[in-house]
């Protein structure tokens, strides 16, 4: 019985020490977040800077940053940019919903998945085929420049919706219900 009481006491001490360390870790994370945000502000993409996103289809999707959005070359559609990675379970779960929206609004909406992961083109093609992705995928170094241009990405998946004029319409962090995306898409294509 003494051994059991001693074990419980030792366990309680470890739990208390563990809780104390977590609180100080939260404070550290808060400081790190603030310094990350200031670094992003210092490295921000300038207005009028051009960004060429290379698509998996070997096409180039050209944008030019402006104050409240982007000028998108040869574009008369709203555009949904989805920032993602192949290792991200919510990103994979979002694919069927994005496929549905891509099919439903193909005349009014571009969906471009902006890969934030270093993978070779063959790996991405295999992934796109396995998950039956029906929208464009941007690959390459310009993706990271674009990520900075919109202010940085702090969660995957994250999405940014721009109307047909290239003005920012809405943004999302994490997995978003298809109905919510569709409601905002309908507003952006008006």
Foldseek 3Di string as FASTA:
>chain_A
DVVVVVVVVVVVVVVVVVVVVVVVVVVVVVVVVVVVLVVLVVVADDAQDKFWFQWLVRDTWIWGHHDFFTATPPFQAKEKEKEAEPVDVLQLVCQVLVQVVCVVQVVHYAYEYEYPDDDDSVVVVVSCVVSVHDHIYTDDDSSVNVCSNVRHADAPTKMWIAASRRGTQDIDHTRDDSVVVVVSSVVRRD
